[in-house]
PDB file of N, CA and C in Angstrom:
ATOM      1  N   MET A   1      -5.562  35.318  26.213  1.00  0.00           N
ATOM      2  CA  MET A   1      -5.585  34.049  25.324  1.00  0.00           C
ATOM      3  C   MET A   1      -4.148  33.921  24.768  1.00  0.00           C
ATOM      4  N   PRO A   2      -3.529  32.791  25.006  1.00  0.00           N
ATOM      5  CA  PRO A   2      -2.188  32.432  24.560  1.00  0.00           C
ATOM      6  C   PRO A   2      -2.150  32.384  23.221  1.00  0.00           C
ATOM      7  N   ALA A   3      -1.015  32.752  22.454  1.00  0.00           N
ATOM      8  CA  ALA A   3      -0.886  32.754  20.941  1.00  0.00           C
ATOM      9  C   ALA A   3      -0.879  31.074  20.519  1.00  0.00           C
ATOM     10  N   ALA A   4      -1.534  31.067  19.417  1.00  0.00           N
ATOM     11  CA  ALA A   4      -1.481  29.643  18.844  1.00  0.00           C
ATOM     12  C   ALA A   4      -0.156  29.228  18.518  1.00  0.00           C
ATOM     13  N   ALA A   5       0.389  27.902  18.669  1.00  0.00           N
ATOM     14  CA  ALA A   5       1.673  27.554  18.371  1.00  0.00           C
ATOM     15  C   ALA A   5       1.755  27.441  16.920  1.00  0.00           C
ATOM     16  N   PRO A   6       2.686  27.783  16.338  1.00  0.00           N
ATOM     17  CA  PRO A   6       2.940  27.790  14.851  1.00  0.00           C
ATOM     18  C   PRO A   6       2.814  26.306  14.292  1.00  0.00           C
ATOM     19  N   PRO A   7       2.438  26.220  13.037  1.00  0.00           N
ATOM     20  CA  PRO A   7       2.093  24.715  12.777  1.00  0.00           C
ATOM     21  C   PRO A   7       3.282  24.199  12.305  1.00  0.00           C
ATOM     22  N   GLN A   8       3.387  22.763  12.564  1.00  0.00           N
ATOM     23  CA  GLN A   8       4.513  22.111  11.917  1.00  0.00           C
ATOM     24  C   GLN A   8       4.173  21.566  10.668  1.00  0.00           C
ATOM     25  N   LEU A   9       5.260  21.486   9.931  1.00  0.00           N
ATOM     26  CA  LEU A   9       5.232  21.126   8.520  1.00  0.00           C
ATOM     27  C   LEU A   9       5.628  19.669   8.211  1.00  0.00           C
ATOM     28  N   VAL A  10       5.001  18.827   7.427  1.00  0.00           N
ATOM     29  CA  VAL A  10       5.467  17.786   6.718  1.00  0.00           C
ATOM     30  C   VAL A  10       5.534  17.809   5.169  1.00  0.00           C
ATOM     31  N   VAL A  11       6.789  17.745   4.988  1.00  0.00           N
ATOM     32  CA  VAL A  11       7.075  17.744   3.420  1.00  0.00           C
ATOM     33  C   VAL A  11       7.219  16.428   3.041  1.00  0.00           C
ATOM     34  N   LEU A  12       6.584  16.006   1.847  1.00  0.00           N
ATOM     35  CA  LEU A  12       6.648  14.642   1.394  1.00  0.00           C
ATOM     36  C   LEU A  12       7.285  14.585  -0.060  1.00  0.00           C
ATOM     37  N   ASP A  13       7.950  13.798  -0.531  1.00  0.00           N
ATOM     38  CA  ASP A  13       8.452  13.685  -1.803  1.00  0.00           C
ATOM     39  C   ASP A  13       8.331  12.261  -2.162  1.00  0.00           C
ATOM     40  N   THR A  14       7.814  11.889  -3.330  1.00  0.00           N
ATOM     41  CA  THR A  14       7.673  10.601  -3.809  1.00  0.00           C
ATOM     42  C   THR A  14       8.280  10.466  -5.183  1.00  0.00           C
ATOM     43  N   GLU A  15       8.615   9.204  -5.453  1.00  0.00           N
ATOM     44  CA  GLU A  15       8.915   8.899  -7.033  1.00  0.00           C
ATOM     45  C   GLU A  15       7.954   7.720  -7.366  1.00  0.00           C
ATOM     46  N   THR A  16       7.591   7.690  -8.583  1.00  0.00           N
ATOM     47  CA  THR A  16       6.722   6.945  -8.930  1.00  0.00           C
ATOM     48  C   THR A  16       6.902   6.180 -10.241  1.00  0.00           C
ATOM     49  N   THR A  17       6.311   5.240 -10.624  1.00  0.00           N
ATOM     50  CA  THR A  17       6.571   4.384 -11.994  1.00  0.00           C
ATOM     51  C   THR A  17       5.963   5.248 -13.089  1.00  0.00           C
ATOM     52  N   GLY A  18       5.328   6.286 -13.013  1.00  0.00           N
ATOM     53  CA  GLY A  18       4.737   7.124 -13.928  1.00  0.00           C
ATOM     54  C   GLY A  18       4.002   8.203 -13.351  1.00  0.00           C
ATOM     55  N   LEU A  19       2.905   8.681 -14.303  1.00  0.00           N
ATOM     56  CA  LEU A  19       2.142   9.785 -13.779  1.00  0.00           C
ATOM     57  C   LEU A  19       0.627   9.419 -13.746  1.00  0.00           C
ATOM     58  N   ASP A  20       0.411   8.106 -14.059  1.00  0.00           N
ATOM     59  CA  ASP A  20      -1.078   7.714 -14.015  1.00  0.00           C
ATOM     60  C   ASP A  20      -1.457   7.203 -12.651  1.00  0.00           C
ATOM     61  N   PRO A  21      -2.202   7.921 -11.939  1.00  0.00           N
ATOM     62  CA  PRO A  21      -2.468   7.549 -10.484  1.00  0.00           C
ATOM     63  C   PRO A  21      -3.382   6.089 -10.553  1.00  0.00           C
ATOM     64  N   GLU A  22      -3.995   5.823 -11.621  1.00  0.00           N
ATOM     65  CA  GLU A  22      -4.898   4.391 -11.517  1.00  0.00           C
ATOM     66  C   GLU A  22      -3.696   3.317 -12.014  1.00  0.00           C
ATOM     67  N   ARG A  23      -2.687   3.499 -12.625  1.00  0.00           N
ATOM     68  CA  ARG A  23      -1.995   2.314 -13.167  1.00  0.00           C
ATOM     69  C   ARG A  23      -0.450   2.416 -12.189  1.00  0.00           C
ATOM     70  N   ASP A  24       0.145   3.567 -12.170  1.00  0.00           N
ATOM     71  CA  ASP A  24       1.380   3.690 -11.737  1.00  0.00           C
ATOM     72  C   ASP A  24       1.353   3.568 -10.151  1.00  0.00           C
ATOM     73  N   ARG A  25       2.750   3.233  -9.708  1.00  0.00           N
ATOM     74  CA  ARG A  25       2.839   2.966  -8.348  1.00  0.00           C
ATOM     75  C   ARG A  25       4.055   3.701  -7.706  1.00  0.00           C
ATOM     76  N   ILE A  26       4.160   3.958  -6.349  1.00  0.00           N
ATOM     77  CA  ILE A  26       5.230   4.865  -5.733  1.00  0.00           C
ATOM     78  C   ILE A  26       6.252   3.877  -5.514  1.00  0.00           C
ATOM     79  N   ILE A  27       7.579   4.311  -5.803  1.00  0.00           N
ATOM     80  CA  ILE A  27       8.831   3.592  -5.673  1.00  0.00           C
ATOM     81  C   ILE A  27       9.724   4.103  -4.610  1.00  0.00           C
ATOM     82  N   ASP A  28       9.435   5.296  -4.049  1.00  0.00           N
ATOM     83  CA  ASP A  28      10.220   5.960  -3.162  1.00  0.00           C
ATOM     84  C   ASP A  28       9.503   7.034  -2.412  1.00  0.00           C
ATOM     85  N   ILE A  29       9.685   7.095  -1.049  1.00  0.00           N
ATOM     86  CA  ILE A  29       9.117   8.030  -0.236  1.00  0.00           C
ATOM     87  C   ILE A  29      10.118   8.715   0.482  1.00  0.00           C
ATOM     88  N   GLY A  30       9.894  10.073   0.678  1.00  0.00           N
ATOM     89  CA  GLY A  30      10.842  10.793   1.419  1.00  0.00           C
ATOM     90  C   GLY A  30      10.046  11.832   2.140  1.00  0.00           C
ATOM     91  N   ALA A  31      10.250  12.131   3.470  1.00  0.00           N
ATOM     92  CA  ALA A  31       9.439  12.946   4.368  1.00  0.00           C
ATOM     93  C   ALA A  31      10.543  13.636   5.275  1.00  0.00           C
ATOM     94  N   VAL A  32      10.281  14.981   5.535  1.00  0.00           N
ATOM     95  CA  VAL A  32      10.730  15.588   6.701  1.00  0.00           C
ATOM     96  C   VAL A  32       9.737  16.353   7.453  1.00  0.00           C
ATOM     97  N   ARG A  33       9.926  16.178   8.895  1.00  0.00           N
ATOM     98  CA  ARG A  33       8.857  16.920   9.766  1.00  0.00           C
ATOM     99  C   ARG A  33       9.670  18.245  10.206  1.00  0.00           C
ATOM    100  N   LEU A  34       9.253  19.403   9.894  1.00  0.00           N
ATOM    101  CA  LEU A  34       9.755  20.751  10.263  1.00  0.00           C
ATOM    102  C   LEU A  34       9.212  21.285  11.527  1.00  0.00           C
ATOM    103  N   GLY A  35       9.851  21.710  12.368  1.00  0.00           N
ATOM    104  CA  GLY A  35       9.244  22.394  13.557  1.00  0.00           C
ATOM    105  C   GLY A  35       8.877  23.819  13.310  1.00  0.00           C
ATOM    106  N   PRO A  36       8.514  24.624  14.342  1.00  0.00           N
ATOM    107  CA  PRO A  36       7.924  25.779  14.201  1.00  0.00           C
ATOM    108  C   PRO A  36       9.102  26.993  13.569  1.00  0.00           C
ATOM    109  N   ASP A  37      10.300  26.588  13.726  1.00  0.00           N
ATOM    110  CA  ASP A  37      11.278  27.469  13.265  1.00  0.00           C
ATOM    111  C   ASP A  37      11.898  26.946  11.819  1.00  0.00           C
ATOM    112  N   LEU A  38      11.173  25.945  11.321  1.00  0.00           N
ATOM    113  CA  LEU A  38      11.507  25.394  10.074  1.00  0.00           C
ATOM    114  C   LEU A  38      12.695  24.388  10.153  1.00  0.00           C
ATOM    115  N   GLU A  39      13.089  23.982  11.395  1.00  0.00           N
ATOM    116  CA  GLU A  39      14.131  23.097  11.528  1.00  0.00           C
ATOM    117  C   GLU A  39      13.754  21.719  11.400  1.00  0.00           C
ATOM    118  N   VAL A  40      14.585  21.040  10.756  1.00  0.00           N
ATOM    119  CA  VAL A  40      14.239  19.467  10.657  1.00  0.00           C
ATOM    120  C   VAL A  40      14.332  18.691  11.909  1.00  0.00           C
ATOM    121  N   ARG A  41      13.036  18.263  12.188  1.00  0.00           N
ATOM    122  CA  ARG A  41      12.793  17.626  13.710  1.00  0.00           C
ATOM    123  C   ARG A  41      13.070  15.955  13.161  1.00  0.00           C
ATOM    124  N   ASP A  42      12.466  15.422  12.075  1.00  0.00           N
ATOM    125  CA  ASP A  42      12.663  14.042  11.869  1.00  0.00           C
ATOM    126  C   ASP A  42      12.759  13.865  10.384  1.00  0.00           C
ATOM    127  N   ARG A  43      13.171  12.743   9.921  1.00  0.00           N
ATOM    128  CA  ARG A  43      13.390  12.326   8.541  1.00  0.00           C
ATOM    129  C   ARG A  43      12.978  10.886   8.164  1.00  0.00           C
ATOM    130  N   PHE A  44      12.458  10.577   7.227  1.00  0.00           N
ATOM    131  CA  PHE A  44      11.974   9.245   6.756  1.00  0.00           C
ATOM    132  C   PHE A  44      12.324   9.117   5.339  1.00  0.00           C
ATOM    133  N   VAL A  45      12.931   7.966   5.055  1.00  0.00           N
ATOM    134  CA  VAL A  45      13.393   7.832   3.493  1.00  0.00           C
ATOM    135  C   VAL A  45      13.152   6.221   3.185  1.00  0.00           C
ATOM    136  N   THR A  46      12.399   5.812   2.470  1.00  0.00           N
ATOM    137  CA  THR A  46      12.332   4.289   1.981  1.00  0.00           C
ATOM    138  C   THR A  46      12.077   4.175   0.540  1.00  0.00           C
ATOM    139  N   LEU A  47      12.768   2.954   0.057  1.00  0.00           N
ATOM    140  CA  LEU A  47      12.260   2.611  -1.230  1.00  0.00           C
ATOM    141  C   LEU A  47      11.015   1.783  -1.122  1.00  0.00           C
ATOM    142  N   VAL A  48      10.422   1.703  -2.239  1.00  0.00           N
ATOM    143  CA  VAL A  48       9.033   0.985  -2.138  1.00  0.00           C
ATOM    144  C   VAL A  48       9.070  -0.085  -3.243  1.00  0.00           C
ATOM    145  N   ASP A  49       8.728  -1.300  -2.906  1.00  0.00           N
ATOM    146  CA  ASP A  49       8.693  -2.231  -4.079  1.00  0.00           C
ATOM    147  C   ASP A  49       7.182  -1.936  -4.615  1.00  0.00           C
ATOM    148  N   PRO A  50       7.094  -1.613  -6.167  1.00  0.00           N
ATOM    149  CA  PRO A  50       5.948  -1.395  -6.621  1.00  0.00           C
ATOM    150  C   PRO A  50       5.045  -2.575  -7.166  1.00  0.00           C
ATOM    151  N   GLY A  51       5.896  -3.673  -7.058  1.00  0.00           N
ATOM    152  CA  GLY A  51       5.180  -4.889  -7.573  1.00  0.00           C
ATOM    153  C   GLY A  51       4.965  -4.898  -9.070  1.00  0.00           C
ATOM    154  N   VAL A  52       5.468  -3.938  -9.723  1.00  0.00           N
ATOM    155  CA  VAL A  52       5.534  -3.960 -11.170  1.00  0.00           C
ATOM    156  C   VAL A  52       6.800  -3.510 -11.691  1.00  0.00           C
ATOM    157  N   PRO A  53       7.169  -3.931 -12.871  1.00  0.00           N
ATOM    158  CA  PRO A  53       8.503  -3.398 -13.462  1.00  0.00           C
ATOM    159  C   PRO A  53       8.689  -1.776 -13.419  1.00  0.00           C
ATOM    160  N   ILE A  54       9.787  -1.347 -13.282  1.00  0.00           N
ATOM    161  CA  ILE A  54       9.927   0.147 -13.316  1.00  0.00           C
ATOM    162  C   ILE A  54      10.391   0.470 -14.842  1.00  0.00           C
ATOM    163  N   PRO A  55       9.603   1.416 -15.506  1.00  0.00           N
ATOM    164  CA  PRO A  55      10.057   1.595 -16.788  1.00  0.00           C
ATOM    165  C   PRO A  55      11.446   2.105 -17.053  1.00  0.00           C
ATOM    166  N   LEU A  56      11.991   1.894 -18.011  1.00  0.00           N
ATOM    167  CA  LEU A  56      13.464   2.487 -18.429  1.00  0.00           C
ATOM    168  C   LEU A  56      13.603   3.911 -18.213  1.00  0.00           C
ATOM    169  N   PHE A  57      12.566   4.667 -18.704  1.00  0.00           N
ATOM    170  CA  PHE A  57      12.355   6.170 -18.592  1.00  0.00           C
ATOM    171  C   PHE A  57      12.474   6.592 -17.102  1.00  0.00           C
ATOM    172  N   ILE A  58      11.767   5.824 -16.273  1.00  0.00           N
ATOM    173  CA  ILE A  58      11.870   6.491 -14.848  1.00  0.00           C
ATOM    174  C   ILE A  58      13.096   5.944 -14.201  1.00  0.00           C
ATOM    175  N   THR A  59      13.769   4.827 -14.571  1.00  0.00           N
ATOM    176  CA  THR A  59      15.013   4.492 -14.065  1.00  0.00           C
ATOM    177  C   THR A  59      15.902   5.471 -14.262  1.00  0.00           C
ATOM    178  N   ARG A  60      16.084   5.996 -15.653  1.00  0.00           N
ATOM    179  CA  ARG A  60      16.972   7.059 -16.168  1.00  0.00           C
ATOM    180  C   ARG A  60      16.600   8.487 -15.417  1.00  0.00           C
ATOM    181  N   LEU A  61      15.339   8.761 -15.234  1.00  0.00           N
ATOM    182  CA  LEU A  61      14.865   9.938 -14.666  1.00  0.00           C
ATOM    183  C   LEU A  61      15.147  10.055 -13.155  1.00  0.00           C
ATOM    184  N   ALA A  62      14.762   8.912 -12.431  1.00  0.00           N
ATOM    185  CA  ALA A  62      14.988   8.990 -10.900  1.00  0.00           C
ATOM    186  C   ALA A  62      16.105   8.212 -10.523  1.00  0.00           C
ATOM    187  N   GLY A  63      16.685   7.472 -11.141  1.00  0.00           N
ATOM    188  CA  GLY A  63      17.872   6.696 -10.701  1.00  0.00           C
ATOM    189  C   GLY A  63      17.515   5.386  -9.951  1.00  0.00           C
ATOM    190  N   ILE A  64      16.307   5.216 -10.036  1.00  0.00           N
ATOM    191  CA  ILE A  64      15.980   3.894  -9.207  1.00  0.00           C
ATOM    192  C   ILE A  64      15.404   2.712 -10.110  1.00  0.00           C
ATOM    193  N   ALA A  65      16.082   1.609  -9.990  1.00  0.00           N
ATOM    194  CA  ALA A  65      15.897   0.405 -10.821  1.00  0.00           C
ATOM    195  C   ALA A  65      15.330  -0.519 -10.215  1.00  0.00           C
ATOM    196  N   ASP A  66      14.658  -1.508 -11.016  1.00  0.00           N
ATOM    197  CA  ASP A  66      14.039  -2.730 -10.367  1.00  0.00           C
ATOM    198  C   ASP A  66      15.037  -3.368  -9.291  1.00  0.00           C
ATOM    199  N   THR A  67      16.234  -3.488  -9.420  1.00  0.00           N
ATOM    200  CA  THR A  67      17.193  -4.068  -8.546  1.00  0.00           C
ATOM    201  C   THR A  67      17.428  -3.367  -7.259  1.00  0.00           C
ATOM    202  N   ASP A  68      16.928  -1.976  -7.310  1.00  0.00           N
ATOM    203  CA  ASP A  68      17.064  -1.116  -6.088  1.00  0.00           C
ATOM    204  C   ASP A  68      16.091  -1.532  -5.129  1.00  0.00           C
ATOM    205  N   VAL A  69      14.812  -1.764  -5.612  1.00  0.00           N
ATOM    206  CA  VAL A  69      13.523  -1.843  -4.982  1.00  0.00           C
ATOM    207  C   VAL A  69      13.245  -3.434  -4.549  1.00  0.00           C
ATOM    208  N   ARG A  70      14.031  -4.209  -4.983  1.00  0.00           N
ATOM    209  CA  ARG A  70      13.819  -5.655  -4.747  1.00  0.00           C
ATOM    210  C   ARG A  70      14.075  -5.768  -3.365  1.00  0.00           C
ATOM    211  N   GLY A  71      13.096  -6.461  -2.315  1.00  0.00           N
ATOM    212  CA  GLY A  71      13.209  -6.481  -1.072  1.00  0.00           C
ATOM    213  C   GLY A  71      12.847  -5.458  -0.358  1.00  0.00           C
ATOM    214  N   ALA A  72      12.528  -4.202  -0.861  1.00  0.00           N
ATOM    215  CA  ALA A  72      11.881  -2.988  -0.382  1.00  0.00           C
ATOM    216  C   ALA A  72      10.455  -3.440   0.234  1.00  0.00           C
ATOM    217  N   PRO A  73       9.962  -2.606   1.215  1.00  0.00           N
ATOM    218  CA  PRO A  73       8.625  -3.017   1.573  1.00  0.00           C
ATOM    219  C   PRO A  73       7.474  -2.566   0.574  1.00  0.00           C
ATOM    220  N   ALA A  74       6.343  -3.198   0.493  1.00  0.00           N
ATOM    221  CA  ALA A  74       5.332  -2.875  -0.474  1.00  0.00           C
ATOM    222  C   ALA A  74       4.825  -1.587   0.155  1.00  0.00           C
ATOM    223  N   PHE A  75       4.012  -0.851  -0.727  1.00  0.00           N
ATOM    224  CA  PHE A  75       3.485   0.564  -0.071  1.00  0.00           C
ATOM    225  C   PHE A  75       2.765   0.341   1.120  1.00  0.00           C
ATOM    226  N   PRO A  76       1.867  -0.648   1.489  1.00  0.00           N
ATOM    227  CA  PRO A  76       1.234  -0.462   2.837  1.00  0.00           C
ATOM    228  C   PRO A  76       2.181  -0.509   4.094  1.00  0.00           C
ATOM    229  N   GLU A  77       3.162  -1.379   3.913  1.00  0.00           N
ATOM    230  CA  GLU A  77       4.113  -1.347   4.918  1.00  0.00           C
ATOM    231  C   GLU A  77       5.084  -0.061   5.093  1.00  0.00           C
ATOM    232  N   ALA A  78       5.413   0.368   3.817  1.00  0.00           N
ATOM    233  CA  ALA A  78       6.175   1.667   3.895  1.00  0.00           C
ATOM    234  C   ALA A  78       5.414   2.727   4.655  1.00  0.00           C
ATOM    235  N   PHE A  79       3.862   2.989   4.338  1.00  0.00           N
ATOM    236  CA  PHE A  79       3.269   3.823   4.653  1.00  0.00           C
ATOM    237  C   PHE A  79       2.957   3.783   6.021  1.00  0.00           C
ATOM    238  N   ALA A  80       2.881   2.390   6.629  1.00  0.00           N
ATOM    239  CA  ALA A  80       2.635   2.100   8.290  1.00  0.00           C
ATOM    240  C   ALA A  80       3.848   2.614   8.759  1.00  0.00           C
ATOM    241  N   ALA A  81       5.241   2.417   8.305  1.00  0.00           N
ATOM    242  CA  ALA A  81       6.308   3.113   8.908  1.00  0.00           C
ATOM    243  C   ALA A  81       6.534   4.386   8.903  1.00  0.00           C
ATOM    244  N   LEU A  82       5.847   5.117   7.750  1.00  0.00           N
ATOM    245  CA  LEU A  82       5.841   6.428   7.701  1.00  0.00           C
ATOM    246  C   LEU A  82       5.166   7.254   8.823  1.00  0.00           C
ATOM    247  N   ARG A  83       3.930   6.564   9.008  1.00  0.00           N
ATOM    248  CA  ARG A  83       3.050   7.437  10.057  1.00  0.00           C
ATOM    249  C   ARG A  83       3.428   7.399  11.314  1.00  0.00           C
ATOM    250  N   PRO A  84       3.925   6.507  12.035  1.00  0.00           N
ATOM    251  CA  PRO A  84       4.517   6.759  13.382  1.00  0.00           C
ATOM    252  C   PRO A  84       5.851   7.756  13.372  1.00  0.00           C
ATOM    253  N   ALA A  85       6.337   7.389  12.466  1.00  0.00           N
ATOM    254  CA  ALA A  85       7.936   8.128  12.214  1.00  0.00           C
ATOM    255  C   ALA A  85       7.782   9.662  12.157  1.00  0.00           C
ATOM    256  N   ILE A  86       6.770   9.822  11.422  1.00  0.00           N
ATOM    257  CA  ILE A  86       6.728  11.436  10.970  1.00  0.00           C
ATOM    258  C   ILE A  86       5.331  12.010  11.247  1.00  0.00           C
ATOM    259  N   LEU A  87       4.281  11.330  10.825  1.00  0.00           N
ATOM    260  CA  LEU A  87       2.847  11.912  10.893  1.00  0.00           C
ATOM    261  C   LEU A  87       2.212  12.125  12.338  1.00  0.00           C
ATOM    262  N   THR A  88       2.613  11.054  13.124  1.00  0.00           N
ATOM    263  CA  THR A  88       1.913  10.880  14.507  1.00  0.00           C
ATOM    264  C   THR A  88       2.481  11.915  15.517  1.00  0.00           C
ATOM    265  N   PRO A  89       3.850  12.206  15.520  1.00  0.00           N
ATOM    266  CA  PRO A  89       4.409  13.003  16.366  1.00  0.00           C
ATOM    267  C   PRO A  89       4.088  14.563  16.005  1.00  0.00           C
ATOM    268  N   CYS A  90       3.462  14.699  15.067  1.00  0.00           N
ATOM    269  CA  CYS A  90       3.204  15.965  14.554  1.00  0.00           C
ATOM    270  C   CYS A  90       1.553  16.348  14.652  1.00  0.00           C
ATOM    271  N   PRO A  91       1.118  16.908  15.751  1.00  0.00           N
ATOM    272  CA  PRO A  91      -0.254  17.085  15.632  1.00  0.00           C
ATOM    273  C   PRO A  91      -0.824  18.213  14.706  1.00  0.00           C
ATOM    274  N   ARG A  92      -1.853  17.574  13.769  1.00  0.00           N
ATOM    275  CA  ARG A  92      -2.369  18.337  12.896  1.00  0.00           C
ATOM    276  C   ARG A  92      -1.389  19.108  11.854  1.00  0.00           C
ATOM    277  N   PRO A  93      -0.366  18.298  11.167  1.00  0.00           N
ATOM    278  CA  PRO A  93       0.592  18.920  10.464  1.00  0.00           C
ATOM    279  C   PRO A  93      -0.071  19.610   9.236  1.00  0.00           C
ATOM    280  N   LEU A  94       0.424  20.555   8.623  1.00  0.00           N
ATOM    281  CA  LEU A  94       0.390  21.083   7.273  1.00  0.00           C
ATOM    282  C   LEU A  94       1.042  20.220   6.345  1.00  0.00           C
ATOM    283  N   LEU A  95       0.519  19.785   5.256  1.00  0.00           N
ATOM    284  CA  LEU A  95       1.099  18.820   4.138  1.00  0.00           C
ATOM    285  C   LEU A  95       1.170  19.659   3.017  1.00  0.00           C
ATOM    286  N   PRO A  96       2.348  20.182   2.754  1.00  0.00           N
ATOM    287  CA  PRO A  96       2.457  21.109   1.370  1.00  0.00           C
ATOM    288  C   PRO A  96       2.449  19.944   0.168  1.00  0.00           C
ATOM    289  N   SER A  97       1.845  20.354  -0.827  1.00  0.00           N
ATOM    290  CA  SER A  97       1.850  19.181  -1.896  1.00  0.00           C
ATOM    291  C   SER A  97       1.977  19.934  -3.282  1.00  0.00           C
ATOM    292  N   SER A  98       2.703  19.597  -4.110  1.00  0.00           N
ATOM    293  CA  SER A  98       2.659  20.078  -5.308  1.00  0.00           C
ATOM    294  C   SER A  98       3.231  19.234  -6.464  1.00  0.00           C
ATOM    295  N   SER A  99       2.899  19.499  -7.717  1.00  0.00           N
ATOM    296  CA  SER A  99       3.672  18.595  -8.741  1.00  0.00           C
ATOM    297  C   SER A  99       4.194  19.565  -9.923  1.00  0.00           C
ATOM    298  N   CYS A 100       5.358  19.099 -10.283  1.00  0.00           N
ATOM    299  CA  CYS A 100       5.957  20.064 -11.467  1.00  0.00           C
ATOM    300  C   CYS A 100       5.260  19.396 -12.808  1.00  0.00           C
ATOM    301  N   SER A 101       4.426  18.320 -12.817  1.00  0.00           N
ATOM    302  CA  SER A 101       4.275  17.797 -13.973  1.00  0.00           C
ATOM    303  C   SER A 101       2.508  18.221 -14.287  1.00  0.00           C
ATOM    304  N   THR A 102       1.837  18.974 -13.456  1.00  0.00           N
ATOM    305  CA  THR A 102       0.445  19.320 -13.548  1.00  0.00           C
ATOM    306  C   THR A 102       0.336  20.783 -13.708  1.00  0.00           C
ATOM    307  N   PRO A 103      -0.631  21.244 -14.438  1.00  0.00           N
ATOM    308  CA  PRO A 103      -0.624  22.906 -14.613  1.00  0.00           C
ATOM    309  C   PRO A 103      -1.337  23.441 -13.414  1.00  0.00           C
ATOM    310  N   ARG A 104      -1.697  22.571 -12.384  1.00  0.00           N
ATOM    311  CA  ARG A 104      -2.533  23.199 -11.244  1.00  0.00           C
ATOM    312  C   ARG A 104      -1.251  23.791 -10.295  1.00  0.00           C
ATOM    313  N   PRO A 105      -1.717  25.017  -9.544  1.00  0.00           N
ATOM    314  CA  PRO A 105      -0.802  25.551  -8.582  1.00  0.00           C
ATOM    315  C   PRO A 105      -0.796  24.505  -7.448  1.00  0.00           C
ATOM    316  N   PRO A 106       0.251  24.686  -6.511  1.00  0.00           N
ATOM    317  CA  PRO A 106       0.410  23.874  -5.306  1.00  0.00           C
ATOM    318  C   PRO A 106      -0.646  23.996  -4.460  1.00  0.00           C
ATOM    319  N   VAL A 107      -0.924  22.962  -3.812  1.00  0.00           N
ATOM    320  CA  VAL A 107      -2.090  22.911  -2.855  1.00  0.00           C
ATOM    321  C   VAL A 107      -1.673  22.713  -1.410  1.00  0.00           C
ATOM    322  N   TRP A 108      -2.348  23.245  -0.570  1.00  0.00           N
ATOM    323  CA  TRP A 108      -1.936  23.260   1.157  1.00  0.00           C
ATOM    324  C   TRP A 108      -3.065  22.552   1.570  1.00  0.00           C
ATOM    325  N   THR A 109      -2.928  21.458   2.126  1.00  0.00           N
ATOM    326  CA  THR A 109      -3.926  20.662   2.918  1.00  0.00           C
ATOM    327  C   THR A 109      -3.477  20.341   4.395  1.00  0.00           C
ATOM    328  N   ARG A 110      -4.623  20.329   5.188  1.00  0.00           N
ATOM    329  CA  ARG A 110      -4.336  20.020   6.570  1.00  0.00           C
ATOM    330  C   ARG A 110      -4.470  18.564   6.724  1.00  0.00           C
ATOM    331  N   SER A 111      -3.583  17.826   7.390  1.00  0.00           N
ATOM    332  CA  SER A 111      -3.695  16.549   7.396  1.00  0.00           C
ATOM    333  C   SER A 111      -5.084  16.098   8.350  1.00  0.00           C
ATOM    334  N   ALA A 112      -5.410  14.976   7.933  1.00  0.00           N
ATOM    335  CA  ALA A 112      -6.668  14.374   8.841  1.00  0.00           C
ATOM    336  C   ALA A 112      -5.928  13.392   9.577  1.00  0.00           C
ATOM    337  N   THR A 113      -4.749  13.270   9.650  1.00  0.00           N
ATOM    338  CA  THR A 113      -4.118  11.824  10.403  1.00  0.00           C
ATOM    339  C   THR A 113      -4.128  12.215  11.916  1.00  0.00           C
ATOM    340  N   ALA A 114      -4.112  13.270  12.386  1.00  0.00           N
ATOM    341  CA  ALA A 114      -4.208  13.532  13.822  1.00  0.00           C
ATOM    342  C   ALA A 114      -5.607  14.273  14.239  1.00  0.00           C
ATOM    343  N   SER A 115      -6.595  13.540  13.953  1.00  0.00           N
ATOM    344  CA  SER A 115      -7.984  14.035  14.236  1.00  0.00           C
ATOM    345  C   SER A 115      -8.346  13.768  15.720  1.00  0.00           C
TER     346      SER A 115
END
């Protein structure tokens, strides 16, 4: 029986207008698809227009202002562009996910995008 191919990883990074998932919005998406030897295979970066003002605290923290996201795609369009660029070429990618703002440990999930 041949050995299973090592999984490819998709590493996502986002910036948001705050920490409340009900109220706050994504303003930046970055992703890299790593190959079996952890080499970068593809990159994706886009600003996202949140449709709401970016708080001054977030502008100072992330360096992203309302003027930066003006004209950027809304989240549905940004995600639609991310999917074929990074997620589709990577069959059943592992998506590492963590947050420095929560007390929970990092969570590793298998993507359902390539079912």
